C-alpha atoms as a PDB file:
ATOM      1  CA  UNK A   1      -0.339   6.502  22.016  1.00  0.00           C
ATOM      2  CA  UNK A   2       0.554   3.161  20.446  1.00  0.00           C
ATOM      3  CA  UNK A   3       0.338   2.074  16.851  1.00  0.00           C
ATOM      4  CA  UNK A   4      -2.991   1.058  15.659  1.00  0.00           C
ATOM      5  CA  UNK A   5      -2.996  -2.772  14.993  1.00  0.00           C
ATOM      6  CA  UNK A   6      -4.562  -4.209  11.995  1.00  0.00           C
ATOM      7  CA  UNK A   7      -4.814  -6.980   9.561  1.00  0.00           C
ATOM      8  CA  UNK A   8      -5.482  -6.893   5.768  1.00  0.00           C
ATOM      9  CA  UNK A   9      -8.796  -8.193   4.400  1.00  0.00           C
ATOM     10  CA  UNK A  10      -7.787 -11.966   3.610  1.00  0.00           C
ATOM     11  CA  UNK A  11      -7.163 -12.537   7.478  1.00  0.00           C
ATOM     12  CA  UNK A  12      -8.976 -10.014   9.376  1.00  0.00           C
ATOM     13  CA  UNK A  13     -11.839 -12.159  10.325  1.00  0.00           C
ATOM     14  CA  UNK A  14      -9.426 -14.530  12.162  1.00  0.00           C
ATOM     15  CA  UNK A  15      -8.216 -11.752  14.249  1.00  0.00           C
ATOM     16  CA  UNK A  16     -10.880  -8.791  14.629  1.00  0.00           C
ATOM     17  CA  UNK A  17      -9.031  -5.515  15.094  1.00  0.00           C
ATOM     18  CA  UNK A  18      -8.769  -1.449  15.091  1.00  0.00           C
ATOM     19  CA  UNK A  19      -7.458  -1.520  11.273  1.00  0.00           C
ATOM     20  CA  UNK A  20      -8.661  -2.647   8.384  1.00  0.00           C
ATOM     21  CA  UNK A  21      -6.707  -2.928   5.123  1.00  0.00           C
ATOM     22  CA  UNK A  22      -8.980  -3.334   1.909  1.00  0.00           C
ATOM     23  CA  UNK A  23      -7.840  -3.703  -1.800  1.00  0.00           C
ATOM     24  CA  UNK A  24      -9.477  -2.586  -5.128  1.00  0.00           C
ATOM     25  CA  UNK A  25      -7.995  -4.040  -8.321  1.00  0.00           C
ATOM     26  CA  UNK A  26      -7.251  -1.683 -11.523  1.00  0.00           C
ATOM     27  CA  UNK A  27     -10.220  -3.455 -12.888  1.00  0.00           C
ATOM     28  CA  UNK A  28     -12.592  -1.617 -10.317  1.00  0.00           C
ATOM     29  CA  UNK A  29     -10.971   1.633 -11.245  1.00  0.00           C
ATOM     30  CA  UNK A  30     -12.451   4.222  -9.231  1.00  0.00           C
ATOM     31  CA  UNK A  31     -15.542   3.081  -7.307  1.00  0.00           C
ATOM     32  CA  UNK A  32     -18.849   4.194  -7.274  1.00  0.00           C
ATOM     33  CA  UNK A  33     -19.015   4.596  -3.689  1.00  0.00           C
ATOM     34  CA  UNK A  34     -17.004   3.546  -0.427  1.00  0.00           C
ATOM     35  CA  UNK A  35     -14.972   1.255  -0.045  1.00  0.00           C
ATOM     36  CA  UNK A  36     -15.278  -0.133  -3.366  1.00  0.00           C
ATOM     37  CA  UNK A  37     -16.344  -3.767  -4.316  1.00  0.00           C
ATOM     38  CA  UNK A  38     -12.972  -5.082  -3.868  1.00  0.00           C
ATOM     39  CA  UNK A  39     -12.474  -3.794  -0.347  1.00  0.00           C
ATOM     40  CA  UNK A  40     -16.034  -4.484   0.825  1.00  0.00           C
ATOM     41  CA  UNK A  41     -17.417  -5.092   3.715  1.00  0.00           C
ATOM     42  CA  UNK A  42     -15.570  -3.099   6.059  1.00  0.00           C
ATOM     43  CA  UNK A  43     -15.783  -5.070   9.288  1.00  0.00           C
ATOM     44  CA  UNK A  44     -17.935  -3.070  12.012  1.00  0.00           C
ATOM     45  CA  UNK A  45     -15.206  -3.769  14.323  1.00  0.00           C
ATOM     46  CA  UNK A  46     -12.628  -1.918  12.512  1.00  0.00           C
ATOM     47  CA  UNK A  47     -12.664   2.127  13.058  1.00  0.00           C
ATOM     48  CA  UNK A  48      -9.494   2.890  11.000  1.00  0.00           C
ATOM     49  CA  UNK A  49     -10.364   1.418   7.260  1.00  0.00           C
ATOM     50  CA  UNK A  50      -7.324   1.836   5.018  1.00  0.00           C
ATOM     51  CA  UNK A  51      -8.331   1.492   1.273  1.00  0.00           C
ATOM     52  CA  UNK A  52      -6.358   1.489  -1.836  1.00  0.00           C
ATOM     53  CA  UNK A  53      -8.068   1.989  -5.336  1.00  0.00           C
ATOM     54  CA  UNK A  54      -6.130   1.726  -8.876  1.00  0.00           C
ATOM     55  CA  UNK A  55      -7.504   3.368 -11.921  1.00  0.00           C
ATOM     56  CA  UNK A  56      -5.383   3.750 -14.895  1.00  0.00           C
ATOM     57  CA  UNK A  57      -2.545   6.074 -13.819  1.00  0.00           C
ATOM     58  CA  UNK A  58      -2.215   7.852 -17.201  1.00  0.00           C
ATOM     59  CA  UNK A  59      -6.050   8.438 -17.552  1.00  0.00           C
ATOM     60  CA  UNK A  60      -5.978   9.886 -14.303  1.00  0.00           C
ATOM     61  CA  UNK A  61      -3.400  12.139 -14.992  1.00  0.00           C
ATOM     62  CA  UNK A  62      -4.969  13.612 -17.910  1.00  0.00           C
ATOM     63  CA  UNK A  63      -7.810  14.980 -15.452  1.00  0.00           C
ATOM     64  CA  UNK A  64     -10.773  12.932 -17.280  1.00  0.00           C
ATOM     65  CA  UNK A  65     -11.404  11.222 -14.046  1.00  0.00           C
ATOM     66  CA  UNK A  66     -11.581  13.933 -11.753  1.00  0.00           C
ATOM     67  CA  UNK A  67     -15.428  13.765 -11.492  1.00  0.00           C
ATOM     68  CA  UNK A  68     -15.674  10.036 -10.776  1.00  0.00           C
ATOM     69  CA  UNK A  69     -13.051  10.760  -7.963  1.00  0.00           C
ATOM     70  CA  UNK A  70     -14.839  13.693  -6.609  1.00  0.00           C
ATOM     71  CA  UNK A  71     -18.035  11.752  -6.174  1.00  0.00           C
ATOM     72  CA  UNK A  72     -16.102   8.660  -4.594  1.00  0.00           C
ATOM     73  CA  UNK A  73     -14.543  11.087  -2.151  1.00  0.00           C
ATOM     74  CA  UNK A  74     -17.878  12.264  -1.029  1.00  0.00           C
ATOM     75  CA  UNK A  75     -18.698   8.937   0.214  1.00  0.00           C
ATOM     76  CA  UNK A  76     -15.394   8.687   2.187  1.00  0.00           C
ATOM     77  CA  UNK A  77     -16.398   8.552   6.289  1.00  0.00           C
ATOM     78  CA  UNK A  78     -14.750  11.047   8.577  1.00  0.00           C
ATOM     79  CA  UNK A  79     -11.253   9.603   9.640  1.00  0.00           C
ATOM     80  CA  UNK A  80     -10.853   6.804   7.087  1.00  0.00           C
ATOM     81  CA  UNK A  81      -7.735   6.275   4.895  1.00  0.00           C
ATOM     82  CA  UNK A  82      -7.593   6.231   1.228  1.00  0.00           C
ATOM     83  CA  UNK A  83      -5.183   6.366  -1.333  1.00  0.00           C
ATOM     84  CA  UNK A  84      -4.500   5.729  -5.258  1.00  0.00           C
ATOM     85  CA  UNK A  85      -2.001   2.710  -5.946  1.00  0.00           C
ATOM     86  CA  UNK A  86      -0.508   1.749  -3.115  1.00  0.00           C
ATOM     87  CA  UNK A  87       3.187   0.680  -3.747  1.00  0.00           C
ATOM     88  CA  UNK A  88       3.010   2.724  -7.125  1.00  0.00           C
ATOM     89  CA  UNK A  89       6.761   2.708  -6.629  1.00  0.00           C
ATOM     90  CA  UNK A  90       7.371  -0.798  -7.267  1.00  0.00           C
ATOM     91  CA  UNK A  91       9.244  -1.468 -10.154  1.00  0.00           C
ATOM     92  CA  UNK A  92       7.103  -4.619 -11.432  1.00  0.00           C
ATOM     93  CA  UNK A  93       4.322  -1.772 -12.407  1.00  0.00           C
ATOM     94  CA  UNK A  94       6.855   0.221 -14.344  1.00  0.00           C
ATOM     95  CA  UNK A  95       5.647   3.566 -13.452  1.00  0.00           C
ATOM     96  CA  UNK A  96       7.740   6.606 -13.940  1.00  0.00           C
ATOM     97  CA  UNK A  97       8.319   8.496 -11.099  1.00  0.00           C
ATOM     98  CA  UNK A  98       6.773  11.878 -11.915  1.00  0.00           C
ATOM     99  CA  UNK A  99       3.691   9.963 -13.008  1.00  0.00           C
ATOM    100  CA  UNK A 100       3.115   8.776  -9.551  1.00  0.00           C
ATOM    101  CA  UNK A 101       3.984  11.843  -7.687  1.00  0.00           C
ATOM    102  CA  UNK A 102       1.451  13.600 -10.050  1.00  0.00           C
ATOM    103  CA  UNK A 103      -1.305  11.006  -9.550  1.00  0.00           C
ATOM    104  CA  UNK A 104      -0.555  11.654  -5.790  1.00  0.00           C
ATOM    105  CA  UNK A 105      -0.805  15.356  -5.768  1.00  0.00           C
ATOM    106  CA  UNK A 106      -3.631  15.260  -7.917  1.00  0.00           C
ATOM    107  CA  UNK A 107      -5.742  12.760  -6.143  1.00  0.00           C
ATOM    108  CA  UNK A 108      -4.891  14.657  -2.804  1.00  0.00           C
ATOM    109  CA  UNK A 109      -6.107  17.635  -3.838  1.00  0.00           C
ATOM    110  CA  UNK A 110      -9.491  16.239  -5.471  1.00  0.00           C
ATOM    111  CA  UNK A 111     -10.087  14.078  -2.727  1.00  0.00           C
ATOM    112  CA  UNK A 112      -9.339  16.602   0.299  1.00  0.00           C
ATOM    113  CA  UNK A 113     -11.177  19.257  -1.703  1.00  0.00           C
ATOM    114  CA  UNK A 114     -14.616  16.901  -1.128  1.00  0.00           C
ATOM    115  CA  UNK A 115     -13.728  15.277   2.260  1.00  0.00           C
ATOM    116  CA  UNK A 116     -11.590  17.381   3.928  1.00  0.00           C
ATOM    117  CA  UNK A 117     -11.842  14.944   7.199  1.00  0.00           C
ATOM    118  CA  UNK A 118     -10.253  11.821   5.557  1.00  0.00           C
ATOM    119  CA  UNK A 119      -6.970  11.380   5.493  1.00  0.00           C
ATOM    120  CA  UNK A 120      -4.739  10.829   2.356  1.00  0.00           C
ATOM    121  CA  UNK A 121      -1.937   8.539   2.550  1.00  0.00           C
ATOM    122  CA  UNK A 122       0.917   7.397   0.207  1.00  0.00           C
ATOM    123  CA  UNK A 123       1.610   3.776   0.606  1.00  0.00           C
ATOM    124  CA  UNK A 124       5.331   2.646  -0.292  1.00  0.00           C
ATOM    125  CA  UNK A 125       7.411  -0.517  -0.644  1.00  0.00           C
ATOM    126  CA  UNK A 126      10.032  -1.213   1.754  1.00  0.00           C
ATOM    127  CA  UNK A 127      11.865  -3.034  -1.286  1.00  0.00           C
ATOM    128  CA  UNK A 128      12.308   0.259  -3.708  1.00  0.00           C
ATOM    129  CA  UNK A 129      13.781   2.304  -0.829  1.00  0.00           C
ATOM    130  CA  UNK A 130      16.457  -0.799  -0.131  1.00  0.00           C
ATOM    131  CA  UNK A 131      17.154  -1.885  -3.460  1.00  0.00           C
ATOM    132  CA  UNK A 132      16.062   1.407  -5.672  1.00  0.00           C
ATOM    133  CA  UNK A 133      15.388   4.888  -5.459  1.00  0.00           C
ATOM    134  CA  UNK A 134      12.201   5.978  -3.583  1.00  0.00           C
ATOM    135  CA  UNK A 135      12.651   9.463  -3.108  1.00  0.00           C
ATOM    136  CA  UNK A 136      11.863  10.346  -6.740  1.00  0.00           C
ATOM    137  CA  UNK A 137       8.202   8.798  -6.078  1.00  0.00           C
ATOM    138  CA  UNK A 138       7.124  10.433  -3.201  1.00  0.00           C
ATOM    139  CA  UNK A 139       4.643  13.611  -3.062  1.00  0.00           C
ATOM    140  CA  UNK A 140       5.729  15.635  -0.193  1.00  0.00           C
ATOM    141  CA  UNK A 141       2.548  16.537   1.467  1.00  0.00           C
ATOM    142  CA  UNK A 142       0.452  13.271   1.949  1.00  0.00           C
ATOM    143  CA  UNK A 143      -1.400  13.219   5.802  1.00  0.00           C
ATOM    144  CA  UNK A 144       0.323   9.652   6.106  1.00  0.00           C
ATOM    145  CA  UNK A 145       3.012   7.580   4.838  1.00  0.00           C
ATOM    146  CA  UNK A 146       2.532   3.821   5.074  1.00  0.00           C
ATOM    147  CA  UNK A 147       5.211   1.290   4.454  1.00  0.00           C
ATOM    148  CA  UNK A 148       4.694  -2.192   3.040  1.00  0.00           C
ATOM    149  CA  UNK A 149       7.621  -3.931   4.306  1.00  0.00           C
ATOM    150  CA  UNK A 150       8.619  -7.628   4.483  1.00  0.00           C
ATOM    151  CA  UNK A 151      12.324  -9.379   5.325  1.00  0.00           C
ATOM    152  CA  UNK A 152      14.284 -10.886   2.545  1.00  0.00           C
ATOM    153  CA  UNK A 153      15.936 -13.735   4.787  1.00  0.00           C
ATOM    154  CA  UNK A 154      15.676 -14.787   8.202  1.00  0.00           C
ATOM    155  CA  UNK A 155      18.698 -12.636   9.525  1.00  0.00           C
ATOM    156  CA  UNK A 156      16.960  -9.481   8.596  1.00  0.00           C
ATOM    157  CA  UNK A 157      15.857  -7.113  11.251  1.00  0.00           C
ATOM    158  CA  UNK A 158      13.302  -4.643  11.018  1.00  0.00           C
ATOM    159  CA  UNK A 159      15.815  -1.974  10.766  1.00  0.00           C
ATOM    160  CA  UNK A 160      16.950  -3.546   7.749  1.00  0.00           C
ATOM    161  CA  UNK A 161      13.322  -3.646   6.235  1.00  0.00           C
ATOM    162  CA  UNK A 162      11.957  -0.333   7.249  1.00  0.00           C
ATOM    163  CA  UNK A 163      15.067   2.107   7.851  1.00  0.00           C
ATOM    164  CA  UNK A 164      15.292   2.862   4.065  1.00  0.00           C
ATOM    165  CA  UNK A 165      11.897   3.782   3.572  1.00  0.00           C
ATOM    166  CA  UNK A 166      11.604   5.447   6.762  1.00  0.00           C
ATOM    167  CA  UNK A 167      14.524   7.875   6.219  1.00  0.00           C
ATOM    168  CA  UNK A 168      12.921   9.094   3.163  1.00  0.00           C
ATOM    169  CA  UNK A 169       9.211   9.566   4.141  1.00  0.00           C
ATOM    170  CA  UNK A 170       9.518  10.713   7.775  1.00  0.00           C
ATOM    171  CA  UNK A 171      10.429  14.093   7.008  1.00  0.00           C
ATOM    172  CA  UNK A 172       6.978  14.503   5.327  1.00  0.00           C
ATOM    173  CA  UNK A 173       4.618  13.289   8.062  1.00  0.00           C
ATOM    174  CA  UNK A 174       3.375  10.459  10.297  1.00  0.00           C
ATOM    175  CA  UNK A 175       4.513   7.136   9.207  1.00  0.00           C
ATOM    176  CA  UNK A 176       3.228   3.532   9.841  1.00  0.00           C
ATOM    177  CA  UNK A 177       3.684  -0.061   8.661  1.00  0.00           C
ATOM    178  CA  UNK A 178       0.557  -1.314   6.612  1.00  0.00           C
ATOM    179  CA  UNK A 179       1.916  -5.064   5.555  1.00  0.00           C
ATOM    180  CA  UNK A 180       4.539  -7.059   7.078  1.00  0.00           C
ATOM    181  CA  UNK A 181       4.826 -10.821   7.854  1.00  0.00           C
ATOM    182  CA  UNK A 182       7.684 -13.242   8.698  1.00  0.00           C
ATOM    183  CA  UNK A 183       7.307 -15.360   5.689  1.00  0.00           C
ATOM    184  CA  UNK A 184       8.404 -12.591   3.148  1.00  0.00           C
ATOM    185  CA  UNK A 185       6.489 -11.004   0.090  1.00  0.00           C
ATOM    186  CA  UNK A 186       6.084 -14.371  -1.252  1.00  0.00           C
ATOM    187  CA  UNK A 187       5.367 -16.517   1.848  1.00  0.00           C
ATOM    188  CA  UNK A 188       8.623 -18.260   0.785  1.00  0.00           C
ATOM    189  CA  UNK A 189      10.824 -17.891   4.289  1.00  0.00           C
ATOM    190  CA  UNK A 190      10.383 -20.124   7.003  1.00  0.00           C
ATOM    191  CA  UNK A 191       7.593 -18.681   9.461  1.00  0.00           C
ATOM    192  CA  UNK A 192       9.081 -16.896  12.470  1.00  0.00           C
ATOM    193  CA  UNK A 193       6.580 -15.338  14.804  1.00  0.00           C
ATOM    194  CA  UNK A 194       9.412 -13.459  16.614  1.00  0.00           C
ATOM    195  CA  UNK A 195       9.445 -11.398  13.729  1.00  0.00           C
ATOM    196  CA  UNK A 196       6.273  -9.550  14.819  1.00  0.00           C
ATOM    197  CA  UNK A 197       7.435  -8.735  18.354  1.00  0.00           C
ATOM    198  CA  UNK A 198      10.635  -7.458  16.547  1.00  0.00           C
ATOM    199  CA  UNK A 199       8.626  -5.390  14.146  1.00  0.00           C
ATOM    200  CA  UNK A 200       6.302  -4.279  17.088  1.00  0.00           C
ATOM    201  CA  UNK A 201       9.017  -2.905  18.894  1.00  0.00           C
ATOM    202  CA  UNK A 202      10.680  -1.096  16.151  1.00  0.00           C
ATOM    203  CA  UNK A 203       7.086   0.699  15.066  1.00  0.00           C
ATOM    204  CA  UNK A 204       6.691   1.660  18.913  1.00  0.00           C
ATOM    205  CA  UNK A 205      10.025   2.960  19.198  1.00  0.00           C
ATOM    206  CA  UNK A 206       9.260   5.396  16.243  1.00  0.00           C
ATOM    207  CA  UNK A 207       6.026   6.344  17.206  1.00  0.00           C
ATOM    208  CA  UNK A 208       4.188   4.852  14.434  1.00  0.00           C
ATOM    209  CA  UNK A 209       0.509   5.205  13.356  1.00  0.00           C
ATOM    210  CA  UNK A 210      -0.318   1.765  12.540  1.00  0.00           C
ATOM    211  CA  UNK A 211       1.272  -1.762  12.791  1.00  0.00           C
ATOM    212  CA  UNK A 212      -0.639  -4.194  10.235  1.00  0.00           C
ATOM    213  CA  UNK A 213       0.319  -7.792   9.488  1.00  0.00           C
ATOM    214  CA  UNK A 214      -0.272  -9.422   6.067  1.00  0.00           C
ATOM    215  CA  UNK A 215      -1.778 -12.648   5.360  1.00  0.00           C
ATOM    216  CA  UNK A 216      -3.238 -14.149   1.977  1.00  0.00           C
ATOM    217  CA  UNK A 217      -3.131 -17.107  -0.452  1.00  0.00           C
ATOM    218  CA  UNK A 218       0.487 -17.533  -0.191  1.00  0.00           C
ATOM    219  CA  UNK A 219       0.999 -16.459   3.189  1.00  0.00           C
ATOM    220  CA  UNK A 220      -0.994 -18.572   5.856  1.00  0.00           C
ATOM    221  CA  UNK A 221      -0.801 -17.230   9.699  1.00  0.00           C
ATOM    222  CA  UNK A 222       0.152 -20.375  11.591  1.00  0.00           C
ATOM    223  CA  UNK A 223      -1.314 -20.528  14.828  1.00  0.00           C
ATOM    224  CA  UNK A 224       2.092 -19.150  16.166  1.00  0.00           C
ATOM    225  CA  UNK A 225       1.832 -16.156  14.367  1.00  0.00           C
ATOM    226  CA  UNK A 226      -1.954 -15.587  15.471  1.00  0.00           C
ATOM    227  CA  UNK A 227      -0.653 -16.003  18.976  1.00  0.00           C
ATOM    228  CA  UNK A 228       2.220 -13.322  18.507  1.00  0.00           C
ATOM    229  CA  UNK A 229      -0.427 -10.920  16.639  1.00  0.00           C
ATOM    230  CA  UNK A 230      -2.860 -11.398  19.378  1.00  0.00           C
ATOM    231  CA  UNK A 231      -0.460 -10.225  22.073  1.00  0.00           C
ATOM    232  CA  UNK A 232       0.299  -7.232  20.019  1.00  0.00           C
ATOM    233  CA  UNK A 233      -3.214  -6.069  19.324  1.00  0.00           C
ATOM    234  CA  UNK A 234      -4.086  -6.660  23.206  1.00  0.00           C
ATOM    235  CA  UNK A 235      -0.988  -4.182  23.815  1.00  0.00           C
ATOM    236  CA  UNK A 236      -1.961  -1.687  21.109  1.00  0.00           C
ATOM    237  CA  UNK A 237      -5.566  -1.618  22.210  1.00  0.00           C
ATOM    238  CA  UNK A 238      -4.607  -0.928  26.036  1.00  0.00           C
ATOM    239  CA  UNK A 239      -2.399   1.593  24.889  1.00  0.00           C
ATOM    240  CA  UNK A 240      -4.952   3.163  22.547  1.00  0.00           C
ATOM    241  CA  UNK A 241      -7.622   3.562  25.687  1.00  0.00           C
ATOM    242  CA  UNK A 242      -4.738   5.312  27.938  1.00  0.00           C
END
């Protein structure tokens, strides 16, 4: 089985694929129903939606949002992936590790108590593991551990980008890539379509669950990028059908 190929919501329509990444903002909090207004609509072609929500962490950990989260969980389709605060380990947010772990543990228990057939993921930053300390932020019983990782220079290899996070989370469960591109997190590196083939090879070698590229307002996928990703998409779909 090969990694499931996918794209995030900003570029998905340019290359419809099996996995879809959607985001809800802190202002949305806990949506009233799946997938939340920030992530909607989920394309009909996406069989694996990966959705994140971002309620206030302190309020959530206090227990006052348990009822809204249970109600939301009841609307999650079987086989879908949900997480709270993707990249919550990122230094820019200023969260304490203990608060992120408590949040994920509480969310997992509440969500799985209502919809046992969905998958709860923790999505982490490759950057945190590479330049700081990721381990204190990781809860140890998620269904999936997913990495958002970007090269920081044109000389970076996938091993340099993903190995530090992989070594932290892989002991706890299946791992995948949910964001990457050749131009870095801010889109400031020269475009390098070869990066996708290299990162895809890495994902296959480690038996990853997903391989997802990111595009957005500051990261425009070029025609060469789309050609490289189309090749990966075809290989992924052929492998999934085997």
